[in-house]
Amino acid sequence: MPYKKRESRYQIQKSPIQRFLFVLGIVFFLMYLVLGCMVIFWKQLPIPLSSGRRLALGIVLIVYAFFRFVRLIQNYRS
């Protein structure tokens, strides 16, 4: 396997599939983050929700986005 020297450690080079899945994970992270912000700040949602429920749903989506991002980074490093 090809090795790359990086910061005095040797790291196995990632395959194109792993890099593609990493980029796809970043795209989904951004989608959940934007969706959460849209739910919070967009007043005329197609689904009628009270302001409290809209805020709660937006926060849950943003927290889920960051949870996915942390897991993505952990999987990419290993």
Protein backbone atom coordinates (compact mmCIF):
# COMPACT_ATOMS: atom_id res chain seq x y z
CA MET A 1 0.00 0.00 0.00
CA PRO A 2 1.26 3.47 -0.73
CA TYR A 3 2.18 5.50 2.33
CA LYS A 4 2.37 9.24 2.74
CA LYS A 5 4.46 10.94 5.38
CA ARG A 6 2.42 13.48 7.28
CA GLU A 7 3.54 15.26 10.44
CA SER A 8 6.08 12.56 11.29
CA ARG A 9 3.42 9.84 11.08
CA TYR A 10 2.77 7.40 8.29
CA GLN A 11 -0.76 7.29 7.03
CA ILE A 12 -2.34 4.94 4.51
CA GLN A 13 -3.63 6.83 1.49
CA LYS A 14 -7.45 6.88 1.27
CA SER A 15 -9.16 5.23 -1.65
CA PRO A 16 -11.30 7.27 -4.05
CA ILE A 17 -14.43 5.63 -2.64
CA GLN A 18 -13.54 6.71 0.90
CA ARG A 19 -12.87 10.25 -0.27
CA PHE A 20 -16.17 10.32 -2.18
CA LEU A 21 -18.08 9.09 0.88
CA PHE A 22 -16.35 11.74 2.98
CA VAL A 23 -17.44 14.48 0.57
CA LEU A 24 -20.96 13.03 0.48
CA GLY A 25 -21.02 13.07 4.29
CA ILE A 26 -20.00 16.74 4.26
CA VAL A 27 -22.82 17.49 1.79
CA PHE A 28 -25.39 15.79 4.02
CA PHE A 29 -24.02 17.61 7.08
CA LEU A 30 -24.54 20.91 5.28
CA MET A 31 -28.01 19.86 4.13
CA TYR A 32 -29.15 19.06 7.68
CA LEU A 33 -27.60 22.26 8.98
CA VAL A 34 -29.32 24.40 6.33
CA LEU A 35 -32.62 22.56 6.84
CA GLY A 36 -32.46 23.19 10.57
CA CYS A 37 -31.79 26.88 10.01
CA MET A 38 -34.60 27.06 7.47
CA VAL A 39 -37.06 25.50 9.91
CA ILE A 40 -36.08 27.98 12.60
CA PHE A 41 -35.99 31.18 10.55
CA TRP A 42 -38.45 30.62 7.68
CA LYS A 43 -41.81 31.90 8.91
CA GLN A 44 -44.00 30.45 6.13
CA LEU A 45 -43.23 26.75 6.28
CA PRO A 46 -45.41 24.45 4.17
CA ILE A 47 -46.18 22.54 7.39
CA PRO A 48 -48.03 24.61 9.99
CA LEU A 49 -46.02 24.52 13.26
CA SER A 50 -46.12 26.73 16.30
CA SER A 51 -43.01 28.78 17.00
CA GLY A 52 -41.95 26.54 19.91
CA ARG A 53 -42.22 23.35 17.89
CA ARG A 54 -40.48 24.97 14.92
CA LEU A 55 -37.59 26.01 17.15
CA ALA A 56 -37.38 22.55 18.74
CA LEU A 57 -37.37 20.80 15.35
CA GLY A 58 -34.70 23.17 14.03
CA ILE A 59 -32.47 22.60 17.06
CA VAL A 60 -32.87 18.82 16.77
CA LEU A 61 -31.86 18.98 13.09
CA ILE A 62 -28.81 21.13 13.85
CA VAL A 63 -27.70 18.87 16.72
CA TYR A 64 -28.16 15.83 14.47
CA ALA A 65 -26.07 17.50 11.77
CA PHE A 66 -23.19 18.07 14.20
CA PHE A 67 -23.53 14.50 15.51
CA ARG A 68 -23.16 13.20 11.95
CA PHE A 69 -20.19 15.52 11.36
CA VAL A 70 -18.34 14.27 14.46
CA ARG A 71 -18.90 10.65 13.45
CA LEU A 72 -17.78 11.42 9.91
CA ILE A 73 -14.51 12.95 11.13
CA GLN A 74 -13.89 10.02 13.49
CA ASN A 75 -14.44 7.49 10.70
CA TYR A 76 -12.27 9.40 8.26
CA ARG A 77 -9.31 9.58 10.65
CA SER A 78 -9.29 5.83 11.27
